[in-house]
Amino acid sequence: MNTSITDDRARGYRGAAVPGSCARVVAAAVACVCACLALPAATESVAILHTTDLHGNLLPVTDYEGNEGVGGILQLAPLVEQERAAHPCTILVDNGDTFQGSPHSFLTRGAAVIDALNALDVSIWNLGNHDFDWGTEALEANIARFSGAVISANCQWSGSTPSPFERVKPYVITNVGGRRIAFVGVTHPKIPYWSRLCLVGDAVIEQPMTALLRVMPAVYAERPDAVVLLAHLGYNDRGGMFEDPLYELLGLFHGFDAVIGGHTHTAVPFRRAGGAMFTQAAYHGIALGDLRLSFSNETEKLSGVTASLVPVGPGQPWSAMVSNAVAPVLAQADALMTGVVCTIDGVLSNEFTESGESALQTLICEAIAATTRADVVFHGSFQTPATVSNRPLTMADLYRIVPYENLITVAQMTPAAMLAVMETLMEYWGSHYFAVPYGLCVTVDPDALPGERVVSMTRRDGSPLDPARRYAVAFNSYMAASSGMRQLPVRALIDGRDSGAADLPVLTRDALEAYLRACGTYTPRVTRSIAITDEPGPSIGPVTPSTPFVPGPVRFAEFAYTVPGPLSDEPAGEWFAVRNIFDRPVNLKGYSFSDNDDKGVFSIEKDLLLAPGELLVFCSSVPKFRRLPYGASQYLRIFEYGRLAPRLNLGNRGDELVMLAPNGHIADQVTYGRHTALWRNWPADTKAPNHKPGEGLVKTQGGWQVNTRPLTEEE
């Protein structure tokens, strides 16, 4: 099939520019409309409008960058109607994670959102992982309520009949404007590792590759005019790569003309992937995806594919049609959300102490302990930015504090098992996957070797734990399911032979509401469960002047160590870029990057391919980097290293940055400022001058030079 695909640099949003998430992509696209390369003049096109990760948001939302009044189904709907009016050969599809995530949806267990999709005449719904969050009974009811086709090639049912997935098909072929378009669906395979068995039941979620090896021959046999994959898997902006299962599919199956992604909440107007067009419509309805398939009138074959994203809001009119369909639940939710739960006497926030504990985390643990009578509670705080200070706490606040409908799991554990849980959690020290051991007093050494990071563990009052006793230990159901395979040892301990694990029919949010209502007035506090030892940890061997320097195919291209903003935020904005200078792809797996300071190093542990000439930006924090003017370009491929190497900080007065090949040799190096005197044996072209905030340093044929327009030297 001869398909023309648009070039990555032409990607962009269509329509009016908006701030934040949408503006980043607008900045990347000089043209507002994606142009297809070498399309014949005599063509007809089919428009596939798509949404993903709506998460029940009927109303406009605040996006992850703080932009208010964007997205929401009610605000998105008029854009759909406009596109249909302008282009009659149009179909609207949704790519999963559809109804979980908002109070409006939860009040009706998803029915209000499904009614909104039906009012919008959504033709196809591909299942997402969060669509299983409320159990298979709720999912079955929403599948039955949906008026269109439901697809997922890798969702099967191994239990008794009738199956809740009876209406779910691996693919559908739909006639759009006289063209037969095949839509194949795959769902994220980690559902059994995010949800407990009490929710998943007898559902079997195959690996997408296994399912498509079985399904695609049947699809091809029906000889559709085009094949589109709806994958609730996506592109990860922080890692600069596709999720592993999707990466495998794109490399193995070359019969897809377009791939619509989801799950990762990333805006991808378009990019080439495995020979197909890939596009992804962000999250919460902040963008409407528009995929166009063009067919030659002469040959009747597919001749071109284009894709773009249409920004949704702020300030766009709402759909009266959809509003009428969901008006009762909107009124009901408004009344519920303004209800007062208790009064907060003090500041309830997620501001962490040096030990990773917060008042919000303490409150959640107190509520779970009071509800379950557990001796110990392992829990985090959901990364929520919610702060309630000396005022009534409402149900709206409660939904912001606990945005997920997690159940509570209680297991009976020995001190040895709890110690093993703590050791597993220490792998995630400093990240939101770490959970504090409420009810215990634990001394840790985060820099020690695995198996030695928990120094001591006692009861909260300092008394010793009884090694022969089993203690009641509570987790939320997400963690008990292994947090998406991150904490499999924890799940194995919870479901051990004598653990007596029980999944209680109590939501974390409900436990929190009951506890606060019983308090009446709650005074926030931080219960200190963790002490950090001051013993020095092992250091990583530094690069020395005698370390072999063997330049390889990947070289440093540009970096910045001082960025606009407060000095305290500056390390989070640091970045550097590397480029593959060879004429063949290079795999960065096994490469390490270091500032040559104690523990300021990280390694690439997975396959990370760089195409010939491709640039990859490494940054400490993607959100911070994206706020930089030159970081707005969506076509930049980014890898975030801040959590892997929080001590990799480039000094303003001088430092070095080293790239080590898998064999330990230096593949490239750069030093600047007063540190250049420390590396007298390094070649002159590895030494850089200083730069000012807002500038960068770029490698040229004559060596490193100041670049007043970072990351724009090719334009």
Foldseek 3Di string as FASTA:
>chain_A
DAAFEFAQQQAAAADDQDDDQRNLRNVSHVDRFTDTPPFDPFKAKAKEKEAEALQQFQFWQQDPLGRGQFFHLQLLLVVLVVVCVVHVLYAYEYQESFRHFDPLSVVVLNLLRLLLCVLSVHAEYEYELCCLQQALVSSLVSCVNHPHQYEALFKDFDDDPPDSCPRYYQWDWDQGPNFTEIEGEHYDQLSLLQFPCRRHPRIHGDLVVVSCVVPVVVVVVVPGQAYEYRYQWAAAQQALGTPPSVLVCLQPDQRHQEYEYHNNQHADQWDDTSNHIYGYAGHSRQWMKIKMFMARPVPRHTYYIGIHIYGGDDPGGTDPSSCVSSVVSVVVVVVQQAAFLAWEAAKAFCDADPQNWGLLLVLLFVLVCVVPVFLKEWAFFPPQGDMDGGGTDGVNSLCSRPRGFWFKKKWWAFPVLVVVQQLLLLVQGPHRSRTFIPQKAWEAASQADRVPGTPDIDGLVPHHGDRVGTTIYMYTRSVCSPVSVSRVSNVCSRPDDRTPMDGDPDTSSNSSSVVNNVVNYDYGDIRRRYHYDPDDHDFDDFDDLPFAEDADQKEWFKWAQAADDDPVCRQQQTKTKIWRQDQAKDWQAQKKKALRDTQQMAGRHDTDIHHHGRMEMEGQHLSNNCVQPLSSNPSHRYHHCCSVRVPNHADQQKTKMFMAHNVRHTNYIAIEHPCCVVNVVDDPLRYEYHEDHCWMWGRDPVHIDIGNNPPPVVD
